[in-house]
N, C-alpha and C. Protein backbone atom coordinates (compact mmCIF):
# COMPACT_ATOMS: atom_id res chain seq x y z
N MET A 1 119.80 -77.19 -30.67
CA MET A 1 119.80 -78.00 -31.83
C MET A 1 119.89 -79.48 -31.39
N CYS A 2 120.64 -79.76 -30.35
CA CYS A 2 120.85 -81.11 -29.84
C CYS A 2 119.45 -81.68 -29.38
N ILE A 3 118.67 -80.83 -28.76
CA ILE A 3 117.34 -81.28 -28.31
C ILE A 3 116.45 -81.63 -29.53
N MET A 4 116.51 -80.87 -30.58
CA MET A 4 115.70 -81.11 -31.74
C MET A 4 116.14 -82.39 -32.30
N LYS A 5 117.40 -82.69 -32.52
CA LYS A 5 117.91 -83.91 -33.08
C LYS A 5 117.44 -85.10 -32.17
N GLU A 6 117.49 -84.96 -30.93
CA GLU A 6 117.11 -86.03 -30.04
C GLU A 6 115.54 -86.36 -30.19
N LYS A 7 114.83 -85.32 -30.19
CA LYS A 7 113.32 -85.49 -30.37
C LYS A 7 113.02 -86.22 -31.76
N LEU A 8 113.76 -85.78 -32.74
CA LEU A 8 113.46 -86.36 -34.07
C LEU A 8 113.95 -87.83 -34.13
N TRP A 9 115.06 -88.13 -33.51
CA TRP A 9 115.48 -89.55 -33.45
C TRP A 9 114.47 -90.48 -32.60
N ILE A 10 114.03 -89.92 -31.55
CA ILE A 10 113.02 -90.70 -30.77
C ILE A 10 111.74 -90.79 -31.57
N PHE A 11 111.40 -89.85 -32.30
CA PHE A 11 110.18 -89.92 -33.18
C PHE A 11 110.39 -91.03 -34.23
N ILE A 12 111.59 -91.02 -34.85
CA ILE A 12 111.82 -92.02 -35.92
C ILE A 12 111.86 -93.44 -35.37
N LEU A 13 112.42 -93.53 -34.08
CA LEU A 13 112.40 -94.87 -33.45
C LEU A 13 111.04 -95.37 -33.20
N LYS A 14 110.19 -94.47 -32.66
CA LYS A 14 108.72 -94.78 -32.42
C LYS A 14 108.02 -95.22 -33.70
N PHE A 15 108.38 -94.41 -34.71
CA PHE A 15 107.77 -94.70 -36.00
C PHE A 15 108.07 -96.14 -36.50
N LEU A 16 109.31 -96.51 -36.34
CA LEU A 16 109.77 -97.92 -36.75
C LEU A 16 109.15 -98.94 -35.87
N VAL A 17 109.13 -98.64 -34.57
CA VAL A 17 108.57 -99.69 -33.63
C VAL A 17 107.11 -99.91 -33.92
N ILE A 18 106.37 -98.92 -34.36
CA ILE A 18 104.95 -99.08 -34.69
C ILE A 18 104.80 -99.65 -36.14
N SER A 19 105.58 -99.20 -37.08
CA SER A 19 105.38 -99.49 -38.42
C SER A 19 105.86 -100.86 -38.81
N LEU A 20 106.95 -101.38 -38.30
CA LEU A 20 107.49 -102.63 -38.70
C LEU A 20 106.59 -103.79 -38.38
N PRO A 21 106.01 -103.91 -37.15
CA PRO A 21 105.07 -104.95 -36.83
C PRO A 21 103.79 -104.86 -37.69
N LEU A 22 103.31 -103.62 -37.97
CA LEU A 22 102.22 -103.40 -38.88
C LEU A 22 102.49 -103.82 -40.24
N LEU A 23 103.67 -103.56 -40.70
CA LEU A 23 104.15 -104.04 -42.03
C LEU A 23 104.16 -105.56 -42.09
N ALA A 24 104.65 -106.21 -41.15
CA ALA A 24 104.61 -107.66 -41.11
C ALA A 24 103.22 -108.23 -41.09
N LEU A 25 102.36 -107.65 -40.30
CA LEU A 25 100.97 -108.07 -40.24
C LEU A 25 100.20 -107.86 -41.59
N TRP A 26 100.55 -106.62 -42.15
CA TRP A 26 100.02 -106.24 -43.49
C TRP A 26 100.31 -107.24 -44.56
N LEU A 27 101.67 -107.55 -44.66
CA LEU A 27 102.13 -108.50 -45.59
C LEU A 27 101.67 -109.94 -45.41
N TRP A 28 101.61 -110.31 -44.13
CA TRP A 28 101.09 -111.67 -43.74
C TRP A 28 99.66 -111.88 -44.06
N ARG A 29 98.82 -110.97 -43.61
CA ARG A 29 97.41 -111.20 -43.64
C ARG A 29 96.52 -110.07 -44.25
N LEU A 30 96.77 -108.88 -43.86
CA LEU A 30 95.91 -107.77 -44.15
C LEU A 30 95.84 -107.36 -45.60
N GLN A 31 96.97 -107.43 -46.32
CA GLN A 31 97.04 -106.99 -47.67
C GLN A 31 96.04 -107.73 -48.61
N ASP A 32 96.01 -109.03 -48.45
CA ASP A 32 95.02 -109.77 -49.24
C ASP A 32 93.64 -109.48 -48.97
N GLN A 33 93.35 -109.39 -47.69
CA GLN A 33 92.00 -108.96 -47.32
C GLN A 33 91.58 -107.54 -47.81
N TYR A 34 92.54 -106.63 -47.69
CA TYR A 34 92.25 -105.23 -48.19
C TYR A 34 92.04 -105.29 -49.69
N LEU A 35 92.83 -106.03 -50.42
CA LEU A 35 92.65 -106.13 -51.89
C LEU A 35 91.35 -106.70 -52.29
N ILE A 36 90.92 -107.65 -51.55
CA ILE A 36 89.59 -108.31 -51.84
C ILE A 36 88.47 -107.23 -51.52
N LEU A 37 88.57 -106.57 -50.42
CA LEU A 37 87.54 -105.54 -50.04
C LEU A 37 87.57 -104.46 -51.06
N LEU A 38 88.78 -103.96 -51.48
CA LEU A 38 88.79 -102.86 -52.38
C LEU A 38 88.32 -103.29 -53.78
N ASN A 39 88.53 -104.42 -54.19
CA ASN A 39 88.02 -104.96 -55.42
C ASN A 39 86.46 -104.97 -55.41
N HIS A 40 85.91 -105.38 -54.28
CA HIS A 40 84.41 -105.42 -54.20
C HIS A 40 83.89 -104.06 -54.23
N ILE A 41 84.53 -103.14 -53.54
CA ILE A 41 84.13 -101.74 -53.58
C ILE A 41 84.19 -101.15 -54.93
N LEU A 42 85.32 -101.29 -55.58
CA LEU A 42 85.51 -100.79 -56.99
C LEU A 42 84.49 -101.47 -57.88
N THR A 43 84.31 -102.72 -57.77
CA THR A 43 83.31 -103.40 -58.73
C THR A 43 81.93 -102.75 -58.50
N PHE A 44 81.54 -102.60 -57.30
CA PHE A 44 80.24 -102.01 -56.97
C PHE A 44 80.08 -100.65 -57.50
N LEU A 45 81.13 -99.77 -57.19
CA LEU A 45 81.15 -98.41 -57.67
C LEU A 45 81.13 -98.19 -59.17
N LEU A 46 82.07 -98.96 -59.79
CA LEU A 46 82.25 -98.74 -61.24
C LEU A 46 81.20 -99.44 -62.11
N ILE A 47 80.85 -100.66 -61.70
CA ILE A 47 79.82 -101.32 -62.59
C ILE A 47 78.41 -101.01 -62.16
N THR A 48 78.09 -101.15 -60.88
CA THR A 48 76.76 -100.97 -60.37
C THR A 48 76.32 -99.46 -60.42
N LEU A 49 77.06 -98.60 -59.86
CA LEU A 49 76.69 -97.21 -59.67
C LEU A 49 77.01 -96.37 -60.92
N ALA A 50 78.31 -96.45 -61.37
CA ALA A 50 78.76 -95.72 -62.53
C ALA A 50 78.31 -96.24 -63.94
N GLY A 51 77.90 -97.47 -63.91
CA GLY A 51 77.39 -98.05 -65.17
C GLY A 51 78.45 -98.45 -66.13
N PHE A 52 79.65 -98.62 -65.74
CA PHE A 52 80.66 -99.12 -66.73
C PHE A 52 80.32 -100.53 -67.16
N ASN A 53 80.48 -100.69 -68.41
CA ASN A 53 80.20 -102.02 -69.04
C ASN A 53 81.51 -102.73 -69.23
N ILE A 54 82.01 -103.32 -68.14
CA ILE A 54 83.28 -104.03 -68.22
C ILE A 54 82.95 -105.51 -67.74
N GLN A 55 83.56 -106.41 -68.43
CA GLN A 55 83.32 -107.81 -68.08
C GLN A 55 84.15 -108.21 -66.94
N TYR A 56 85.32 -107.74 -66.85
CA TYR A 56 86.26 -108.20 -65.90
C TYR A 56 87.01 -107.03 -65.29
N PHE A 57 87.01 -106.94 -63.99
CA PHE A 57 87.69 -105.85 -63.33
C PHE A 57 88.94 -106.54 -62.59
N PRO A 58 90.15 -106.23 -62.85
CA PRO A 58 91.21 -106.95 -62.25
C PRO A 58 91.31 -106.57 -60.75
N ALA A 59 91.86 -107.44 -60.00
CA ALA A 59 92.16 -107.20 -58.57
C ALA A 59 93.07 -105.98 -58.51
N PRO A 60 92.79 -105.07 -57.50
CA PRO A 60 93.71 -103.97 -57.33
C PRO A 60 95.14 -104.37 -57.26
N PHE A 61 96.01 -103.45 -57.56
CA PHE A 61 97.45 -103.76 -57.44
C PHE A 61 97.96 -103.75 -55.97
N PRO A 62 98.77 -104.72 -55.60
CA PRO A 62 99.20 -104.77 -54.17
C PRO A 62 100.31 -103.78 -53.90
N ILE A 63 99.96 -102.50 -54.02
CA ILE A 63 100.98 -101.45 -53.74
C ILE A 63 100.47 -100.55 -52.69
N PHE A 64 99.36 -100.93 -52.00
CA PHE A 64 98.78 -99.86 -51.16
C PHE A 64 99.29 -100.01 -49.67
N ILE A 65 100.52 -100.04 -49.53
CA ILE A 65 101.11 -100.12 -48.19
C ILE A 65 101.21 -98.73 -47.50
N ASN A 66 100.72 -97.70 -48.18
CA ASN A 66 100.86 -96.37 -47.55
C ASN A 66 99.87 -96.08 -46.40
N LEU A 67 98.99 -97.09 -46.21
CA LEU A 67 98.10 -96.91 -45.01
C LEU A 67 98.97 -97.01 -43.70
N ILE A 68 99.94 -97.82 -43.71
CA ILE A 68 100.81 -98.11 -42.56
C ILE A 68 101.50 -96.87 -42.05
N PRO A 69 102.32 -96.12 -42.94
CA PRO A 69 102.93 -94.96 -42.38
C PRO A 69 101.92 -93.86 -41.89
N TYR A 70 100.86 -93.75 -42.59
CA TYR A 70 99.84 -92.73 -42.12
C TYR A 70 99.33 -93.04 -40.71
N PHE A 71 98.90 -94.33 -40.48
CA PHE A 71 98.40 -94.80 -39.32
C PHE A 71 99.49 -94.62 -38.19
N SER A 72 100.68 -95.06 -38.49
CA SER A 72 101.80 -94.91 -37.49
C SER A 72 102.11 -93.46 -37.14
N LEU A 73 102.18 -92.63 -38.14
CA LEU A 73 102.43 -91.19 -37.83
C LEU A 73 101.31 -90.54 -36.96
N MET A 74 100.10 -90.86 -37.27
CA MET A 74 98.99 -90.32 -36.50
C MET A 74 98.95 -90.86 -35.06
N VAL A 75 99.35 -92.09 -34.86
CA VAL A 75 99.45 -92.69 -33.51
C VAL A 75 100.51 -92.14 -32.65
N ILE A 76 101.68 -91.85 -33.22
CA ILE A 76 102.85 -91.44 -32.45
C ILE A 76 103.01 -89.98 -32.28
N THR A 77 102.24 -89.13 -33.10
CA THR A 77 102.49 -87.70 -33.02
C THR A 77 101.89 -87.19 -31.77
N LYS A 78 102.73 -86.56 -30.95
CA LYS A 78 102.21 -85.88 -29.67
C LYS A 78 101.62 -84.51 -29.97
N GLY A 79 100.68 -84.19 -29.03
CA GLY A 79 100.08 -82.90 -29.14
C GLY A 79 98.69 -82.82 -29.92
N ILE A 80 98.23 -84.00 -30.33
CA ILE A 80 96.95 -83.96 -31.02
C ILE A 80 95.96 -84.62 -30.04
N ARG A 81 94.83 -83.91 -29.74
CA ARG A 81 93.84 -84.41 -28.86
C ARG A 81 93.27 -85.70 -29.33
N LEU A 82 92.86 -86.57 -28.46
CA LEU A 82 92.36 -87.86 -28.90
C LEU A 82 91.15 -87.84 -29.82
N LYS A 83 90.22 -86.97 -29.61
CA LYS A 83 89.10 -86.86 -30.51
C LYS A 83 89.53 -86.44 -31.96
N SER A 84 90.41 -85.40 -31.96
CA SER A 84 90.93 -84.93 -33.27
C SER A 84 91.76 -85.99 -33.95
N ARG A 85 92.52 -86.76 -33.08
CA ARG A 85 93.37 -87.81 -33.70
C ARG A 85 92.51 -88.84 -34.30
N ILE A 86 91.47 -89.31 -33.67
CA ILE A 86 90.58 -90.30 -34.24
C ILE A 86 89.92 -89.83 -35.50
N ILE A 87 89.35 -88.61 -35.36
CA ILE A 87 88.75 -88.08 -36.57
C ILE A 87 89.75 -87.97 -37.81
N TRP A 88 90.96 -87.46 -37.59
CA TRP A 88 91.87 -87.23 -38.61
C TRP A 88 92.38 -88.61 -39.16
N LEU A 89 92.51 -89.58 -38.21
CA LEU A 89 92.91 -90.85 -38.61
C LEU A 89 91.98 -91.51 -39.56
N VAL A 90 90.61 -91.34 -39.25
CA VAL A 90 89.60 -91.97 -40.14
C VAL A 90 89.51 -91.14 -41.41
N VAL A 91 89.58 -89.86 -41.35
CA VAL A 91 89.50 -89.10 -42.60
C VAL A 91 90.69 -89.36 -43.43
N GLY A 92 91.84 -89.38 -42.93
CA GLY A 92 93.03 -89.63 -43.76
C GLY A 92 93.02 -91.07 -44.37
N LEU A 93 92.65 -92.05 -43.59
CA LEU A 93 92.46 -93.46 -44.17
C LEU A 93 91.51 -93.48 -45.29
N LEU A 94 90.32 -92.80 -45.11
CA LEU A 94 89.35 -92.71 -46.21
C LEU A 94 89.97 -92.04 -47.39
N ILE A 95 90.67 -90.98 -47.22
CA ILE A 95 91.31 -90.31 -48.36
C ILE A 95 92.28 -91.24 -49.07
N LEU A 96 93.11 -91.95 -48.33
CA LEU A 96 94.00 -92.88 -48.98
C LEU A 96 93.30 -94.06 -49.63
N ILE A 97 92.23 -94.54 -49.08
CA ILE A 97 91.43 -95.63 -49.70
C ILE A 97 90.82 -95.11 -50.99
N GLY A 98 90.27 -93.85 -50.89
CA GLY A 98 89.78 -93.23 -52.17
C GLY A 98 90.81 -93.08 -53.20
N TRP A 99 92.08 -92.72 -52.79
CA TRP A 99 93.13 -92.59 -53.77
C TRP A 99 93.48 -93.89 -54.35
N HIS A 100 93.41 -94.97 -53.51
CA HIS A 100 93.65 -96.37 -53.98
C HIS A 100 92.71 -96.72 -55.09
N MET A 101 91.44 -96.33 -54.96
CA MET A 101 90.44 -96.55 -55.93
C MET A 101 90.78 -95.83 -57.26
N VAL A 102 91.11 -94.58 -57.13
CA VAL A 102 91.49 -93.76 -58.31
C VAL A 102 92.69 -94.32 -59.01
N LEU A 103 93.67 -94.70 -58.26
CA LEU A 103 94.92 -95.25 -58.80
C LEU A 103 94.64 -96.50 -59.53
N THR A 104 93.92 -97.41 -58.88
CA THR A 104 93.55 -98.69 -59.51
C THR A 104 92.84 -98.53 -60.78
N GLU A 105 91.86 -97.65 -60.79
CA GLU A 105 91.09 -97.38 -62.05
C GLU A 105 91.97 -96.80 -63.09
N ALA A 106 92.86 -95.85 -62.74
CA ALA A 106 93.71 -95.32 -63.72
C ALA A 106 94.68 -96.25 -64.30
N ILE A 107 95.26 -97.13 -63.51
CA ILE A 107 96.12 -98.22 -64.03
C ILE A 107 95.33 -99.20 -64.88
N TYR A 108 94.14 -99.53 -64.45
CA TYR A 108 93.25 -100.49 -65.24
C TYR A 108 93.04 -99.85 -66.70
N LEU A 109 92.75 -98.57 -66.63
CA LEU A 109 92.42 -97.95 -67.99
C LEU A 109 93.61 -97.88 -68.87
N VAL A 110 94.80 -97.54 -68.33
CA VAL A 110 95.97 -97.41 -69.26
C VAL A 110 96.58 -98.70 -69.61
N SER A 111 96.45 -99.69 -68.76
CA SER A 111 97.15 -100.98 -69.02
C SER A 111 96.25 -101.97 -69.70
N LEU A 112 95.03 -102.07 -69.29
CA LEU A 112 94.17 -103.04 -69.87
C LEU A 112 93.21 -102.60 -70.91
N LYS A 113 92.54 -101.52 -70.65
CA LYS A 113 91.60 -101.05 -71.60
C LYS A 113 92.17 -100.31 -72.80
N TYR A 114 93.12 -99.38 -72.55
CA TYR A 114 93.75 -98.63 -73.68
C TYR A 114 95.02 -99.32 -74.16
N GLN A 115 95.56 -100.20 -73.41
CA GLN A 115 96.80 -100.99 -73.83
C GLN A 115 97.88 -100.13 -74.37
N ILE A 116 98.27 -99.09 -73.67
CA ILE A 116 99.36 -98.22 -74.11
C ILE A 116 100.64 -98.99 -73.91
N ASP A 117 101.70 -98.58 -74.71
CA ASP A 117 102.95 -99.25 -74.68
C ASP A 117 103.64 -99.00 -73.38
N SER A 118 104.68 -99.85 -73.05
CA SER A 118 105.27 -99.80 -71.72
C SER A 118 105.96 -98.44 -71.47
N GLN A 119 106.54 -97.71 -72.47
CA GLN A 119 107.24 -96.53 -72.24
C GLN A 119 106.13 -95.43 -71.78
N GLN A 120 105.01 -95.40 -72.42
CA GLN A 120 104.02 -94.54 -72.06
C GLN A 120 103.44 -94.81 -70.75
N TYR A 121 103.28 -96.19 -70.51
CA TYR A 121 102.75 -96.68 -69.19
C TYR A 121 103.59 -96.20 -68.06
N GLU A 122 104.91 -96.32 -68.17
CA GLU A 122 105.75 -95.79 -67.09
C GLU A 122 105.73 -94.26 -66.94
N LYS A 123 105.65 -93.57 -68.01
CA LYS A 123 105.48 -92.07 -67.90
C LYS A 123 104.26 -91.73 -67.16
N PHE A 124 103.23 -92.45 -67.38
CA PHE A 124 101.93 -92.24 -66.76
C PHE A 124 101.93 -92.71 -65.29
N THR A 125 102.39 -93.88 -65.04
CA THR A 125 102.15 -94.47 -63.72
C THR A 125 103.21 -94.15 -62.70
N ILE A 126 104.43 -93.93 -63.02
CA ILE A 126 105.44 -93.67 -62.06
C ILE A 126 105.08 -92.41 -61.21
N PRO A 127 104.68 -91.29 -61.80
CA PRO A 127 104.24 -90.16 -60.95
C PRO A 127 103.14 -90.46 -60.09
N LEU A 128 102.17 -91.26 -60.56
CA LEU A 128 101.10 -91.70 -59.74
C LEU A 128 101.53 -92.50 -58.49
N PHE A 129 102.40 -93.48 -58.72
CA PHE A 129 103.02 -94.35 -57.65
C PHE A 129 103.79 -93.41 -56.70
N LEU A 130 104.55 -92.46 -57.12
CA LEU A 130 105.31 -91.64 -56.26
C LEU A 130 104.43 -90.81 -55.42
N PHE A 131 103.34 -90.24 -56.05
CA PHE A 131 102.38 -89.47 -55.29
C PHE A 131 101.73 -90.35 -54.27
N SER A 132 101.41 -91.61 -54.63
CA SER A 132 100.70 -92.54 -53.73
C SER A 132 101.57 -92.78 -52.45
N GLU A 133 102.86 -92.93 -52.65
CA GLU A 133 103.77 -93.14 -51.51
C GLU A 133 104.04 -92.00 -50.64
N THR A 134 103.94 -90.80 -51.14
CA THR A 134 104.15 -89.54 -50.41
C THR A 134 102.87 -89.01 -49.79
N LEU A 135 101.75 -89.53 -50.28
CA LEU A 135 100.46 -88.96 -49.80
C LEU A 135 100.26 -89.05 -48.29
N PRO A 136 100.58 -90.21 -47.62
CA PRO A 136 100.38 -90.24 -46.21
C PRO A 136 101.26 -89.25 -45.45
N PHE A 137 102.40 -88.98 -45.92
CA PHE A 137 103.25 -87.98 -45.33
C PHE A 137 102.73 -86.52 -45.53
N LEU A 138 102.20 -86.33 -46.65
CA LEU A 138 101.59 -84.98 -46.99
C LEU A 138 100.42 -84.73 -46.11
N LEU A 139 99.52 -85.77 -46.01
CA LEU A 139 98.39 -85.60 -45.11
C LEU A 139 98.79 -85.36 -43.71
N TRP A 140 99.74 -86.09 -43.22
CA TRP A 140 100.26 -85.90 -41.84
C TRP A 140 100.81 -84.52 -41.62
N ILE A 141 101.57 -84.06 -42.64
CA ILE A 141 102.08 -82.67 -42.48
C ILE A 141 101.02 -81.64 -42.41
N LEU A 142 99.96 -81.84 -43.27
CA LEU A 142 98.82 -80.88 -43.28
C LEU A 142 98.09 -80.95 -41.89
N ILE A 143 97.89 -82.13 -41.37
CA ILE A 143 97.08 -82.30 -40.19
C ILE A 143 97.89 -81.91 -38.91
N ALA A 144 99.10 -82.33 -38.88
CA ALA A 144 99.88 -82.00 -37.65
C ALA A 144 101.05 -81.06 -37.93
N ARG A 145 100.72 -80.04 -38.63
CA ARG A 145 101.83 -79.12 -39.00
C ARG A 145 102.60 -78.48 -37.81
N LYS A 146 101.85 -78.17 -36.77
CA LYS A 146 102.53 -77.59 -35.58
C LYS A 146 103.50 -78.62 -34.91
N GLN A 147 103.03 -79.82 -34.90
CA GLN A 147 103.85 -80.84 -34.23
C GLN A 147 105.03 -81.17 -35.10
N VAL A 148 104.86 -81.15 -36.47
CA VAL A 148 105.96 -81.39 -37.41
C VAL A 148 106.92 -80.32 -37.32
N GLU A 149 106.54 -79.04 -37.24
CA GLU A 149 107.42 -77.95 -37.08
C GLU A 149 108.26 -78.17 -35.82
N GLY A 150 107.66 -78.63 -34.75
CA GLY A 150 108.43 -78.92 -33.51
C GLY A 150 109.49 -79.96 -33.66
N LEU A 151 109.30 -80.91 -34.54
CA LEU A 151 110.30 -81.92 -34.78
C LEU A 151 111.43 -81.55 -35.63
N PHE A 152 111.20 -80.65 -36.61
CA PHE A 152 112.19 -80.34 -37.61
C PHE A 152 112.78 -78.94 -37.43
N PHE A 153 112.11 -78.04 -36.67
CA PHE A 153 112.67 -76.65 -36.56
C PHE A 153 112.86 -76.36 -35.13
N ARG A 154 113.86 -75.56 -34.93
CA ARG A 154 114.13 -75.03 -33.59
C ARG A 154 112.96 -74.16 -33.05
N GLU A 155 112.57 -74.43 -31.79
CA GLU A 155 111.57 -73.66 -31.18
C GLU A 155 112.07 -72.20 -30.90
N LYS A 156 111.25 -71.25 -31.17
CA LYS A 156 111.72 -69.78 -30.91
C LYS A 156 111.67 -69.54 -29.39
N LYS A 157 112.74 -68.91 -29.02
CA LYS A 157 112.80 -68.56 -27.54
C LYS A 157 112.15 -67.22 -27.36
N ALA A 158 111.33 -67.13 -26.27
CA ALA A 158 110.64 -65.89 -26.04
C ALA A 158 111.66 -64.88 -25.42
N GLY A 159 111.48 -63.57 -25.86
CA GLY A 159 112.32 -62.60 -25.28
C GLY A 159 113.24 -62.00 -26.11
């Protein structure tokens, strides 16, 4: 049991060492650039390809910090081959970016287009925001389930 706790604490420390500088960089520079890029992608997809007739598409909401924990978890998790790690890192980031687009569109529809009252807005958006913040951890657990089991559960002894 002591070995498991030590492995977990080392993992948490590595997670913080990678995540905190990324968070500072994200808040300092990358978030604004990402929101601009996401807005351009959404505008292209929704207006040009999907044919939505909207005059103004608001900038996406600055809540998309969940890229950082996913990236950090995939970088520090031992036991994933480099090729698989890169593939799953890209796939997971694309899933998160796709989710950001869905979330932005949903919030746009309920807040600006349909103008629902604040109580209904909260009932609709809070579960979406909670799912958004847990999604990187769910992806990580699905991708690295064997490694996650090794962090949280005692390894079975042979014999």
